[in-house]
Amino acid sequence: MSSVYARRIGVLASAAALAALTSLVSAPTAQAAPPTPISAAAARSYLATVTPKAEGSTSGYSRDLFPHWSTVSGTCNTRETVLKRDGVNVVQDSSCAAVSGSWYSEYDGATWTAASDLDIDHVVPLAEAWRSGANSWTTAKRQQFANDLTRPQLIAVTDNVNQAKGDLDPGKWLPPRTAYRCTYARMWVQVKQYWALSMDSGEKTALVNLLNGC
């Protein structure tokens, strides 16, 4: 191999390595990663079977009736587990608290580097679940619902966006980032379906209208 040809190969290899490094540096922040929800088609099919029911009362409701955050393993509870799952380069201390990392909030498109700026949202809020049938559950079942890591029920998002949502259903609140609304609707429907929670007419109509465009 000539020395000129060898140098040319070396230059090309260096350029390829630089391009690969640049793509890594410029790659978008990883997205939050709750379990993938059911498809829009599956959500629409389920909604077609739903008979709307008037929402119940919040009488007797307390967040304490939905014990959270439960221990998942060792010193890690559900909140810290979701922060680790939904973040990038998350470092946890000996008590499993996230001390550094980066989080992208799907609801509003903001990126945070302090765990204190994030809430773990219950996609179907606890009070909403109470009004939709969870008032008749055992405390043990409500605990399972409040810490459900198997369904797309928990997601790390900007704290004040979560607080603005409160306990509102999709007929009254949707993520301000419109690109995530179809996913959010699919998440909501799957959680309600799995836990056999009722839907009121405004909630169902909003979901049908949204999912018809997904």
N, C-alpha and C. Protein backbone atom coordinates (compact mmCIF):
# COMPACT_ATOMS: atom_id res chain seq x y z
N MET A 1 0.86 -1.19 0.00
CA MET A 1 0.00 0.00 0.00
C MET A 1 0.89 1.24 0.00
N SER A 2 0.63 2.20 -0.89
CA SER A 2 1.45 3.41 -0.94
C SER A 2 1.18 4.26 0.29
N SER A 3 2.18 5.10 0.62
CA SER A 3 2.03 5.95 1.79
C SER A 3 0.92 6.98 1.58
N VAL A 4 0.75 7.44 0.32
CA VAL A 4 -0.32 8.41 0.03
C VAL A 4 -1.68 7.77 0.25
N TYR A 5 -1.84 6.54 -0.26
CA TYR A 5 -3.11 5.82 -0.11
C TYR A 5 -3.41 5.55 1.36
N ALA A 6 -2.35 5.16 2.10
CA ALA A 6 -2.53 4.88 3.52
C ALA A 6 -2.97 6.13 4.26
N ARG A 7 -2.36 7.27 3.93
CA ARG A 7 -2.75 8.52 4.59
C ARG A 7 -4.21 8.87 4.26
N ARG A 8 -4.59 8.59 2.98
CA ARG A 8 -5.96 8.90 2.57
C ARG A 8 -6.96 8.06 3.36
N ILE A 9 -6.64 6.79 3.54
CA ILE A 9 -7.51 5.90 4.33
C ILE A 9 -7.61 6.42 5.76
N GLY A 10 -6.44 6.85 6.30
CA GLY A 10 -6.44 7.37 7.66
C GLY A 10 -7.29 8.62 7.80
N VAL A 11 -7.21 9.51 6.81
CA VAL A 11 -8.02 10.74 6.84
C VAL A 11 -9.51 10.40 6.79
N LEU A 12 -9.88 9.46 5.91
CA LEU A 12 -11.29 9.05 5.80
C LEU A 12 -11.79 8.44 7.10
N ALA A 13 -10.94 7.62 7.73
CA ALA A 13 -11.33 6.99 8.99
C ALA A 13 -11.52 8.05 10.08
N SER A 14 -10.62 9.02 10.10
CA SER A 14 -10.73 10.09 11.10
C SER A 14 -11.99 10.91 10.87
N ALA A 15 -12.30 11.18 9.61
CA ALA A 15 -13.51 11.94 9.28
C ALA A 15 -14.76 11.18 9.71
N ALA A 16 -14.77 9.86 9.47
CA ALA A 16 -15.92 9.04 9.86
C ALA A 16 -16.09 9.04 11.37
N ALA A 17 -14.95 8.94 12.07
CA ALA A 17 -15.01 8.94 13.54
C ALA A 17 -15.54 10.27 14.06
N LEU A 18 -15.08 11.36 13.43
CA LEU A 18 -15.54 12.69 13.84
C LEU A 18 -17.03 12.86 13.58
N ALA A 19 -17.49 12.35 12.43
CA ALA A 19 -18.92 12.45 12.11
C ALA A 19 -19.76 11.67 13.11
N ALA A 20 -19.25 10.50 13.49
CA ALA A 20 -19.98 9.68 14.46
C ALA A 20 -20.05 10.37 15.81
N LEU A 21 -18.92 10.99 16.21
CA LEU A 21 -18.88 11.70 17.48
C LEU A 21 -19.83 12.89 17.46
N THR A 22 -19.83 13.63 16.32
CA THR A 22 -20.71 14.79 16.19
C THR A 22 -22.18 14.38 16.30
N SER A 23 -22.52 13.23 15.69
CA SER A 23 -23.91 12.77 15.75
C SER A 23 -24.30 12.42 17.18
N LEU A 24 -23.35 11.91 17.94
CA LEU A 24 -23.64 11.59 19.34
C LEU A 24 -23.87 12.86 20.15
N VAL A 25 -23.01 13.85 19.91
CA VAL A 25 -23.11 15.09 20.65
C VAL A 25 -24.40 15.83 20.34
N SER A 26 -24.82 15.77 19.05
CA SER A 26 -25.99 16.52 18.63
C SER A 26 -27.28 15.74 18.72
N ALA A 27 -27.19 14.48 19.17
CA ALA A 27 -28.40 13.67 19.27
C ALA A 27 -29.37 14.29 20.27
N PRO A 28 -30.68 14.18 20.00
CA PRO A 28 -31.65 14.77 20.92
C PRO A 28 -31.64 14.07 22.27
N THR A 29 -32.05 14.79 23.28
CA THR A 29 -32.16 14.21 24.60
C THR A 29 -33.12 13.03 24.56
N ALA A 30 -32.76 11.94 25.21
CA ALA A 30 -33.63 10.76 25.22
C ALA A 30 -34.99 11.11 25.81
N GLN A 31 -36.00 10.48 25.31
CA GLN A 31 -37.36 10.75 25.74
C GLN A 31 -37.72 9.89 26.96
N ALA A 32 -38.72 10.34 27.68
CA ALA A 32 -39.24 9.53 28.79
C ALA A 32 -39.75 8.21 28.22
N ALA A 33 -39.69 7.17 29.01
CA ALA A 33 -39.99 5.86 28.46
C ALA A 33 -40.93 5.03 29.33
N PRO A 34 -42.18 5.48 29.50
CA PRO A 34 -43.15 4.59 30.14
C PRO A 34 -43.42 3.41 29.21
N PRO A 35 -44.06 2.35 29.69
CA PRO A 35 -44.41 1.24 28.79
C PRO A 35 -45.20 1.76 27.59
N THR A 36 -44.91 1.22 26.41
CA THR A 36 -45.61 1.66 25.20
C THR A 36 -47.10 1.37 25.33
N PRO A 37 -47.94 2.39 25.11
CA PRO A 37 -49.39 2.17 25.26
C PRO A 37 -49.97 1.41 24.08
N ILE A 38 -51.21 0.99 24.22
CA ILE A 38 -51.93 0.34 23.14
C ILE A 38 -52.00 1.28 21.93
N SER A 39 -52.23 0.72 20.77
CA SER A 39 -52.30 1.52 19.54
C SER A 39 -53.54 2.40 19.54
N ALA A 40 -53.53 3.41 18.67
CA ALA A 40 -54.70 4.27 18.53
C ALA A 40 -55.91 3.46 18.07
N ALA A 41 -55.67 2.50 17.19
CA ALA A 41 -56.77 1.66 16.69
C ALA A 41 -57.37 0.84 17.83
N ALA A 42 -56.51 0.27 18.67
CA ALA A 42 -57.00 -0.52 19.81
C ALA A 42 -57.75 0.37 20.79
N ALA A 43 -57.25 1.58 21.00
CA ALA A 43 -57.93 2.52 21.91
C ALA A 43 -59.29 2.91 21.35
N ARG A 44 -59.36 3.16 20.05
CA ARG A 44 -60.65 3.50 19.43
C ARG A 44 -61.63 2.34 19.54
N SER A 45 -61.13 1.12 19.35
CA SER A 45 -62.01 -0.07 19.45
C SER A 45 -62.57 -0.20 20.85
N TYR A 46 -61.73 0.03 21.85
CA TYR A 46 -62.22 -0.06 23.22
C TYR A 46 -63.25 1.04 23.51
N LEU A 47 -62.96 2.25 23.09
CA LEU A 47 -63.89 3.36 23.35
C LEU A 47 -65.26 3.10 22.73
N ALA A 48 -65.28 2.38 21.61
CA ALA A 48 -66.56 2.06 20.96
C ALA A 48 -67.43 1.18 21.85
N THR A 49 -66.83 0.49 22.82
CA THR A 49 -67.59 -0.39 23.71
C THR A 49 -67.99 0.29 25.02
N VAL A 50 -67.48 1.51 25.23
CA VAL A 50 -67.69 2.19 26.50
C VAL A 50 -69.04 2.92 26.53
N THR A 51 -69.81 2.63 27.55
CA THR A 51 -71.04 3.38 27.81
C THR A 51 -70.71 4.43 28.86
N PRO A 52 -70.81 5.70 28.49
CA PRO A 52 -70.46 6.75 29.45
C PRO A 52 -71.28 6.66 30.73
N LYS A 53 -70.64 7.01 31.81
CA LYS A 53 -71.28 6.98 33.12
C LYS A 53 -70.96 8.28 33.85
N ALA A 54 -71.94 8.85 34.48
CA ALA A 54 -71.72 10.10 35.21
C ALA A 54 -70.62 9.89 36.25
N GLU A 55 -69.75 10.88 36.36
CA GLU A 55 -68.64 10.78 37.29
C GLU A 55 -69.14 10.81 38.73
N GLY A 56 -68.51 10.01 39.57
CA GLY A 56 -68.90 9.97 40.97
C GLY A 56 -68.39 11.16 41.75
N SER A 57 -68.63 11.12 43.03
CA SER A 57 -68.25 12.21 43.94
C SER A 57 -66.84 11.98 44.48
N THR A 58 -66.22 13.06 44.93
CA THR A 58 -64.93 12.92 45.62
C THR A 58 -65.13 12.75 47.12
N SER A 59 -66.37 12.60 47.53
CA SER A 59 -66.65 12.41 48.95
C SER A 59 -65.85 11.24 49.51
N GLY A 60 -65.14 11.48 50.58
CA GLY A 60 -64.34 10.43 51.21
C GLY A 60 -62.96 10.25 50.63
N TYR A 61 -62.66 10.99 49.54
CA TYR A 61 -61.37 10.81 48.88
C TYR A 61 -60.22 11.39 49.70
N SER A 62 -59.11 10.66 49.68
CA SER A 62 -57.85 11.14 50.24
C SER A 62 -56.72 10.45 49.51
N ARG A 63 -55.66 11.20 49.23
CA ARG A 63 -54.50 10.57 48.58
C ARG A 63 -53.93 9.45 49.46
N ASP A 64 -54.14 9.56 50.76
CA ASP A 64 -53.64 8.53 51.67
C ASP A 64 -54.31 7.17 51.42
N LEU A 65 -55.45 7.18 50.75
CA LEU A 65 -56.13 5.93 50.42
C LEU A 65 -55.51 5.23 49.21
N PHE A 66 -54.52 5.90 48.59
CA PHE A 66 -53.76 5.34 47.47
C PHE A 66 -52.27 5.36 47.88
N PRO A 67 -51.84 4.50 48.77
CA PRO A 67 -50.47 4.57 49.30
C PRO A 67 -49.41 4.58 48.20
N HIS A 68 -48.54 5.58 48.24
CA HIS A 68 -47.46 5.71 47.27
C HIS A 68 -46.38 6.57 47.94
N TRP A 69 -45.14 6.48 47.69
CA TRP A 69 -44.58 5.61 46.66
C TRP A 69 -44.06 4.34 47.32
N SER A 70 -44.43 3.18 46.77
CA SER A 70 -44.05 1.90 47.35
C SER A 70 -42.59 1.56 47.06
N THR A 71 -42.01 0.76 47.94
CA THR A 71 -40.65 0.26 47.70
C THR A 71 -40.67 -0.72 46.54
N VAL A 72 -39.75 -0.51 45.59
CA VAL A 72 -39.64 -1.41 44.44
C VAL A 72 -38.56 -2.44 44.70
N SER A 73 -37.38 -1.95 45.12
CA SER A 73 -36.29 -2.86 45.51
C SER A 73 -35.28 -2.09 46.33
N GLY A 74 -34.76 -2.73 47.36
CA GLY A 74 -33.77 -2.08 48.21
C GLY A 74 -34.30 -0.78 48.79
N THR A 75 -33.58 0.32 48.54
CA THR A 75 -34.02 1.63 49.03
C THR A 75 -34.76 2.42 47.96
N CYS A 76 -35.02 1.79 46.82
CA CYS A 76 -35.65 2.50 45.69
C CYS A 76 -37.16 2.36 45.71
N ASN A 77 -37.85 3.52 45.72
CA ASN A 77 -39.31 3.49 45.65
C ASN A 77 -39.77 3.77 44.22
N THR A 78 -41.08 3.84 44.04
CA THR A 78 -41.63 3.99 42.69
C THR A 78 -41.20 5.31 42.06
N ARG A 79 -41.21 6.39 42.83
CA ARG A 79 -40.80 7.68 42.27
C ARG A 79 -39.38 7.63 41.73
N GLU A 80 -38.45 7.12 42.54
CA GLU A 80 -37.06 7.08 42.11
C GLU A 80 -36.87 6.12 40.95
N THR A 81 -37.65 5.06 40.91
CA THR A 81 -37.58 4.12 39.79
C THR A 81 -38.00 4.79 38.49
N VAL A 82 -39.05 5.60 38.53
CA VAL A 82 -39.51 6.30 37.33
C VAL A 82 -38.50 7.37 36.93
N LEU A 83 -37.93 8.08 37.89
CA LEU A 83 -36.92 9.09 37.57
C LEU A 83 -35.72 8.45 36.87
N LYS A 84 -35.29 7.30 37.34
CA LYS A 84 -34.18 6.58 36.72
C LYS A 84 -34.57 6.13 35.31
N ARG A 85 -35.76 5.59 35.17
CA ARG A 85 -36.24 5.07 33.88
C ARG A 85 -36.38 6.18 32.84
N ASP A 86 -36.93 7.31 33.25
CA ASP A 86 -37.28 8.36 32.31
C ASP A 86 -36.16 9.36 32.06
N GLY A 87 -35.05 9.24 32.77
CA GLY A 87 -33.96 10.20 32.60
C GLY A 87 -32.80 9.67 31.80
N VAL A 88 -31.81 10.54 31.62
CA VAL A 88 -30.58 10.20 30.91
C VAL A 88 -29.41 10.42 31.86
N ASN A 89 -28.52 9.43 31.93
CA ASN A 89 -27.34 9.53 32.79
C ASN A 89 -27.71 9.87 34.24
N VAL A 90 -28.74 9.24 34.74
CA VAL A 90 -29.20 9.50 36.10
C VAL A 90 -28.26 8.83 37.10
N VAL A 91 -27.77 9.62 38.04
CA VAL A 91 -26.93 9.11 39.12
C VAL A 91 -27.73 9.16 40.41
N GLN A 92 -27.75 8.05 41.14
CA GLN A 92 -28.49 7.97 42.38
C GLN A 92 -27.55 7.79 43.55
N ASP A 93 -27.93 8.34 44.71
CA ASP A 93 -27.09 8.18 45.89
C ASP A 93 -27.46 6.88 46.61
N SER A 94 -26.90 6.66 47.78
CA SER A 94 -27.09 5.40 48.49
C SER A 94 -28.53 5.16 48.91
N SER A 95 -29.32 6.23 49.00
CA SER A 95 -30.73 6.08 49.36
C SER A 95 -31.61 6.04 48.12
N CYS A 96 -30.99 5.97 46.94
CA CYS A 96 -31.66 5.86 45.64
C CYS A 96 -32.21 7.19 45.13
N ALA A 97 -31.93 8.29 45.80
CA ALA A 97 -32.37 9.60 45.33
C ALA A 97 -31.53 10.02 44.12
N ALA A 98 -32.19 10.57 43.10
CA ALA A 98 -31.48 11.03 41.91
C ALA A 98 -30.74 12.33 42.22
N VAL A 99 -29.43 12.30 42.11
CA VAL A 99 -28.62 13.50 42.44
C VAL A 99 -28.15 14.23 41.19
N SER A 100 -28.22 13.57 40.05
CA SER A 100 -27.90 14.25 38.79
C SER A 100 -28.51 13.47 37.64
N GLY A 101 -28.58 14.14 36.49
CA GLY A 101 -29.16 13.52 35.32
C GLY A 101 -29.85 14.57 34.47
N SER A 102 -30.54 14.12 33.44
CA SER A 102 -31.28 15.01 32.55
C SER A 102 -32.62 14.37 32.24
N TRP A 103 -33.67 15.18 32.26
CA TRP A 103 -35.02 14.67 32.02
C TRP A 103 -35.74 15.54 31.00
N TYR A 104 -36.35 14.90 30.03
CA TYR A 104 -37.15 15.60 29.03
C TYR A 104 -38.62 15.38 29.37
N SER A 105 -39.35 16.45 29.57
CA SER A 105 -40.77 16.36 29.93
C SER A 105 -41.61 16.31 28.66
N GLU A 106 -42.22 15.15 28.41
CA GLU A 106 -43.02 14.97 27.20
C GLU A 106 -44.22 15.91 27.15
N TYR A 107 -44.73 16.32 28.28
CA TYR A 107 -45.94 17.14 28.30
C TYR A 107 -45.72 18.53 27.72
N ASP A 108 -44.52 19.09 27.96
CA ASP A 108 -44.29 20.47 27.55
C ASP A 108 -42.99 20.70 26.79
N GLY A 109 -42.19 19.66 26.60
CA GLY A 109 -40.97 19.79 25.83
C GLY A 109 -39.80 20.41 26.58
N ALA A 110 -39.91 20.57 27.88
CA ALA A 110 -38.82 21.17 28.66
C ALA A 110 -37.83 20.09 29.10
N THR A 111 -36.56 20.49 29.24
CA THR A 111 -35.53 19.59 29.74
C THR A 111 -35.02 20.12 31.07
N TRP A 112 -34.88 19.22 32.04
CA TRP A 112 -34.47 19.60 33.40
C TRP A 112 -33.25 18.79 33.83
N THR A 113 -32.45 19.38 34.70
CA THR A 113 -31.28 18.67 35.22
C THR A 113 -31.33 18.51 36.74
N ALA A 114 -32.45 18.89 37.34
CA ALA A 114 -32.65 18.69 38.79
C ALA A 114 -33.94 17.90 39.00
N ALA A 115 -33.84 16.79 39.72
CA ALA A 115 -35.01 15.95 39.95
C ALA A 115 -36.12 16.71 40.67
N SER A 116 -35.76 17.74 41.42
CA SER A 116 -36.76 18.52 42.16
C SER A 116 -37.69 19.30 41.23
N ASP A 117 -37.31 19.43 39.97
CA ASP A 117 -38.16 20.14 39.00
C ASP A 117 -39.18 19.22 38.35
N LEU A 118 -39.19 17.97 38.78
CA LEU A 118 -40.07 16.98 38.16
C LEU A 118 -41.07 16.40 39.15
N ASP A 119 -42.26 16.15 38.64
CA ASP A 119 -43.25 15.36 39.36
C ASP A 119 -43.41 14.04 38.61
N ILE A 120 -43.82 13.02 39.33
CA ILE A 120 -44.23 11.78 38.67
C ILE A 120 -45.74 11.86 38.54
N ASP A 121 -46.19 12.04 37.31
CA ASP A 121 -47.63 12.17 37.07
C ASP A 121 -48.31 10.81 37.03
N HIS A 122 -49.44 10.72 37.71
CA HIS A 122 -50.35 9.60 37.49
C HIS A 122 -51.18 10.00 36.29
N VAL A 123 -50.99 9.33 35.15
CA VAL A 123 -51.70 9.70 33.93
C VAL A 123 -53.20 9.78 34.20
N VAL A 124 -53.76 8.74 34.77
CA VAL A 124 -55.13 8.81 35.30
C VAL A 124 -54.97 9.20 36.77
N PRO A 125 -55.33 10.44 37.12
CA PRO A 125 -55.09 10.93 38.48
C PRO A 125 -55.82 10.09 39.53
N LEU A 126 -55.29 10.13 40.74
CA LEU A 126 -55.88 9.33 41.82
C LEU A 126 -57.31 9.75 42.12
N ALA A 127 -57.56 11.05 42.16
CA ALA A 127 -58.92 11.52 42.43
C ALA A 127 -59.87 11.15 41.30
N GLU A 128 -59.37 11.20 40.07
CA GLU A 128 -60.18 10.79 38.91
C GLU A 128 -60.52 9.31 39.02
N ALA A 129 -59.54 8.50 39.42
CA ALA A 129 -59.80 7.07 39.59
C ALA A 129 -60.85 6.85 40.68
N TRP A 130 -60.75 7.61 41.76
CA TRP A 130 -61.72 7.49 42.85
C TRP A 130 -63.14 7.73 42.34
N ARG A 131 -63.30 8.79 41.55
CA ARG A 131 -64.62 9.14 41.02
C ARG A 131 -65.10 8.17 39.94
N SER A 132 -64.17 7.34 39.43
CA SER A 132 -64.49 6.44 38.33
C SER A 132 -64.60 4.98 38.75
N GLY A 133 -64.59 4.74 40.08
CA GLY A 133 -64.79 3.38 40.56
C GLY A 133 -63.81 2.91 41.62
N ALA A 134 -62.68 3.60 41.77
CA ALA A 134 -61.69 3.15 42.75
C ALA A 134 -62.14 3.38 44.18
N ASN A 135 -63.20 4.14 44.38
CA ASN A 135 -63.73 4.33 45.74
C ASN A 135 -64.21 3.02 46.34
N SER A 136 -64.52 2.05 45.49
CA SER A 136 -65.00 0.75 46.00
C SER A 136 -63.89 -0.29 46.11
N TRP A 137 -62.68 0.09 45.75
CA TRP A 137 -61.56 -0.85 45.83
C TRP A 137 -61.04 -0.98 47.25
N THR A 138 -60.27 -2.04 47.46
CA THR A 138 -59.53 -2.16 48.71
C THR A 138 -58.33 -1.21 48.66
N THR A 139 -57.80 -0.88 49.81
CA THR A 139 -56.61 -0.02 49.85
C THR A 139 -55.45 -0.69 49.14
N ALA A 140 -55.35 -2.00 49.25
CA ALA A 140 -54.27 -2.74 48.59
C ALA A 140 -54.35 -2.58 47.06
N LYS A 141 -55.55 -2.62 46.52
CA LYS A 141 -55.71 -2.45 45.07
C LYS A 141 -55.40 -1.02 44.66
N ARG A 142 -55.81 -0.06 45.48
CA ARG A 142 -55.50 1.34 45.17
C ARG A 142 -53.99 1.57 45.21
N GLN A 143 -53.31 0.88 46.11
CA GLN A 143 -51.85 0.99 46.18
C GLN A 143 -51.22 0.46 44.89
N GLN A 144 -51.72 -0.66 44.40
CA GLN A 144 -51.21 -1.22 43.15
C GLN A 144 -51.41 -0.23 42.00
N PHE A 145 -52.57 0.40 41.96
CA PHE A 145 -52.88 1.39 40.92
C PHE A 145 -51.93 2.59 40.99
N ALA A 146 -51.71 3.08 42.19
CA ALA A 146 -50.89 4.27 42.39
C ALA A 146 -49.41 4.04 42.10
N ASN A 147 -49.00 2.79 42.04
CA ASN A 147 -47.59 2.45 41.81
C ASN A 147 -47.41 1.56 40.58
N ASP A 148 -48.35 1.66 39.64
CA ASP A 148 -48.39 0.76 38.48
C ASP A 148 -47.28 1.10 37.47
N LEU A 149 -46.24 0.29 37.46
CA LEU A 149 -45.13 0.47 36.53
C LEU A 149 -45.30 -0.38 35.26
N THR A 150 -46.31 -1.23 35.23
CA THR A 150 -46.51 -2.14 34.10
C THR A 150 -47.33 -1.49 32.99
N ARG A 151 -48.33 -0.72 33.37
CA ARG A 151 -49.10 0.06 32.41
C ARG A 151 -48.47 1.45 32.27
N PRO A 152 -48.83 2.20 31.21
CA PRO A 152 -48.29 3.56 31.03
C PRO A 152 -49.01 4.57 31.91
N GLN A 153 -48.91 4.39 33.21
CA GLN A 153 -49.64 5.19 34.18
C GLN A 153 -48.77 6.22 34.89
N LEU A 154 -47.46 6.06 34.82
CA LEU A 154 -46.54 6.95 35.55
C LEU A 154 -45.51 7.53 34.58
N ILE A 155 -45.27 8.84 34.68
CA ILE A 155 -44.31 9.50 33.80
C ILE A 155 -43.74 10.73 34.49
N ALA A 156 -42.44 10.94 34.33
CA ALA A 156 -41.77 12.10 34.92
C ALA A 156 -41.97 13.31 34.02
N VAL A 157 -42.56 14.37 34.58
CA VAL A 157 -42.87 15.58 33.80
C VAL A 157 -42.59 16.83 34.64
N THR A 158 -42.57 17.98 33.97
CA THR A 158 -42.37 19.25 34.65
C THR A 158 -43.38 19.42 35.77
N ASP A 159 -42.90 19.77 36.96
CA ASP A 159 -43.78 19.79 38.13
C ASP A 159 -44.97 20.74 37.99
N ASN A 160 -44.73 21.97 37.50
CA ASN A 160 -45.86 22.90 37.47
C ASN A 160 -46.86 22.57 36.37
N VAL A 161 -46.44 21.83 35.34
CA VAL A 161 -47.37 21.37 34.32
C VAL A 161 -48.27 20.28 34.92
N ASN A 162 -47.66 19.39 35.69
CA ASN A 162 -48.44 18.36 36.37
C ASN A 162 -49.42 18.98 37.36
N GLN A 163 -48.99 20.02 38.05
CA GLN A 163 -49.87 20.68 39.01
C GLN A 163 -51.01 21.40 38.32
N ALA A 164 -50.75 21.93 37.11
CA ALA A 164 -51.82 22.57 36.34
C ALA A 164 -52.86 21.54 35.89
N LYS A 165 -52.39 20.32 35.61
CA LYS A 165 -53.32 19.24 35.23
C LYS A 165 -54.22 18.87 36.40
N GLY A 166 -53.64 18.79 37.58
CA GLY A 166 -54.43 18.41 38.75
C GLY A 166 -55.07 17.04 38.56
N ASP A 167 -56.38 16.98 38.79
CA ASP A 167 -57.09 15.71 38.64
C ASP A 167 -58.03 15.74 37.44
N LEU A 168 -57.71 16.56 36.44
CA LEU A 168 -58.58 16.74 35.28
C LEU A 168 -58.45 15.61 34.27
N ASP A 169 -59.57 15.27 33.63
CA ASP A 169 -59.55 14.26 32.59
C ASP A 169 -59.32 14.92 31.23
N PRO A 170 -59.15 14.13 30.15
CA PRO A 170 -58.83 14.72 28.84
C PRO A 170 -59.90 15.63 28.25
N GLY A 171 -61.11 15.59 28.81
CA GLY A 171 -62.13 16.53 28.37
C GLY A 171 -61.86 17.94 28.88
N LYS A 172 -60.99 18.05 29.88
CA LYS A 172 -60.70 19.35 30.51
C LYS A 172 -59.22 19.73 30.45
N TRP A 173 -58.35 18.76 30.16
CA TRP A 173 -56.91 19.06 30.12
C TRP A 173 -56.20 18.07 29.21
N LEU A 174 -55.27 18.59 28.40
CA LEU A 174 -54.38 17.77 27.59
C LEU A 174 -52.98 18.36 27.68
N PRO A 175 -51.95 17.56 27.44
CA PRO A 175 -50.59 18.11 27.48
C PRO A 175 -50.46 19.31 26.54
N PRO A 176 -49.82 20.38 26.99
CA PRO A 176 -49.64 21.55 26.12
C PRO A 176 -48.83 21.24 24.87
N ARG A 177 -47.96 20.25 24.93
CA ARG A 177 -47.20 19.84 23.73
C ARG A 177 -48.09 18.93 22.88
N THR A 178 -48.61 19.51 21.79
CA THR A 178 -49.63 18.80 21.00
C THR A 178 -49.10 17.50 20.39
N ALA A 179 -47.79 17.42 20.14
CA ALA A 179 -47.23 16.22 19.53
C ALA A 179 -47.36 14.99 20.42
N TYR A 180 -47.61 15.20 21.71
CA TYR A 180 -47.71 14.06 22.63
C TYR A 180 -49.16 13.68 22.94
N ARG A 181 -50.10 14.42 22.41
CA ARG A 181 -51.50 14.20 22.82
C ARG A 181 -52.04 12.85 22.40
N CYS A 182 -51.67 12.37 21.21
CA CYS A 182 -52.14 11.06 20.78
C CYS A 182 -51.62 9.97 21.71
N THR A 183 -50.33 10.07 22.06
CA THR A 183 -49.75 9.09 22.98
C THR A 183 -50.43 9.16 24.33
N TYR A 184 -50.67 10.38 24.80
CA TYR A 184 -51.32 10.57 26.10
C TYR A 184 -52.71 9.94 26.10
N ALA A 185 -53.47 10.13 25.03
CA ALA A 185 -54.81 9.55 24.94
C ALA A 185 -54.75 8.03 24.96
N ARG A 186 -53.78 7.47 24.25
CA ARG A 186 -53.62 6.01 24.25
C ARG A 186 -53.27 5.50 25.64
N MET A 187 -52.40 6.23 26.34
CA MET A 187 -52.03 5.87 27.70
C MET A 187 -53.26 5.88 28.61
N TRP A 188 -54.02 6.97 28.52
CA TRP A 188 -55.21 7.14 29.37
C TRP A 188 -56.20 5.99 29.15
N VAL A 189 -56.48 5.69 27.88
CA VAL A 189 -57.45 4.64 27.57
C VAL A 189 -56.98 3.29 28.08
N GLN A 190 -55.70 2.99 27.90
CA GLN A 190 -55.21 1.69 28.36
C GLN A 190 -55.33 1.54 29.87
N VAL A 191 -54.99 2.59 30.59
CA VAL A 191 -55.06 2.52 32.06
C VAL A 191 -56.50 2.35 32.50
N LYS A 192 -57.39 3.14 31.91
CA LYS A 192 -58.81 3.02 32.29
C LYS A 192 -59.35 1.62 31.94
N GLN A 193 -58.95 1.11 30.79
CA GLN A 193 -59.43 -0.20 30.37
C GLN A 193 -58.93 -1.29 31.31
N TYR A 194 -57.62 -1.28 31.58
CA TYR A 194 -57.06 -2.34 32.42
C TYR A 194 -57.68 -2.34 33.81
N TRP A 195 -57.84 -1.15 34.38
CA TRP A 195 -58.36 -1.06 35.74
C TRP A 195 -59.88 -0.97 35.80
N ALA A 196 -60.54 -1.14 34.66
CA ALA A 196 -62.00 -1.17 34.59
C ALA A 196 -62.63 0.07 35.24
N LEU A 197 -62.08 1.24 34.91
CA LEU A 197 -62.60 2.49 35.45
C LEU A 197 -63.55 3.12 34.43
N SER A 198 -64.59 3.73 34.92
CA SER A 198 -65.61 4.31 34.04
C SER A 198 -65.13 5.59 33.39
N MET A 199 -65.87 6.03 32.37
CA MET A 199 -65.61 7.31 31.70
C MET A 199 -66.92 8.09 31.63
N ASP A 200 -66.82 9.40 31.84
CA ASP A 200 -68.01 10.23 31.66
C ASP A 200 -68.09 10.65 30.20
N SER A 201 -69.21 11.25 29.81
CA SER A 201 -69.44 11.54 28.39
C SER A 201 -68.45 12.55 27.82
N GLY A 202 -68.10 13.59 28.58
CA GLY A 202 -67.15 14.58 28.09
C GLY A 202 -65.77 13.99 27.88
N GLU A 203 -65.38 13.15 28.80
CA GLU A 203 -64.08 12.46 28.73
C GLU A 203 -64.02 11.56 27.50
N LYS A 204 -65.07 10.75 27.32
CA LYS A 204 -65.09 9.83 26.17
C LYS A 204 -65.09 10.60 24.85
N THR A 205 -65.91 11.63 24.76
CA THR A 205 -65.99 12.41 23.52
C THR A 205 -64.65 13.03 23.17
N ALA A 206 -63.97 13.58 24.17
CA ALA A 206 -62.66 14.19 23.93
C ALA A 206 -61.66 13.15 23.43
N LEU A 207 -61.68 11.97 24.02
CA LEU A 207 -60.76 10.91 23.61
C LEU A 207 -61.07 10.41 22.21
N VAL A 208 -62.34 10.23 21.91
CA VAL A 208 -62.73 9.78 20.55
C VAL A 208 -62.29 10.79 19.52
N ASN A 209 -62.57 12.07 19.77
CA ASN A 209 -62.20 13.11 18.81
C ASN A 209 -60.69 13.19 18.60
N LEU A 210 -59.96 13.05 19.70
CA LEU A 210 -58.50 13.11 19.61
C LEU A 210 -57.95 11.91 18.87
N LEU A 211 -58.39 10.72 19.24
CA LEU A 211 -57.85 9.50 18.65
C LEU A 211 -58.26 9.32 17.19
N ASN A 212 -59.36 9.93 16.77
CA ASN A 212 -59.76 9.86 15.37
C ASN A 212 -58.76 10.58 14.47
N GLY A 213 -57.96 11.46 15.08
CA GLY A 213 -56.95 12.17 14.29
C GLY A 213 -55.56 11.58 14.45
N CYS A 214 -55.45 10.43 15.11
CA CYS A 214 -54.14 9.83 15.37
C CYS A 214 -53.81 8.73 14.36
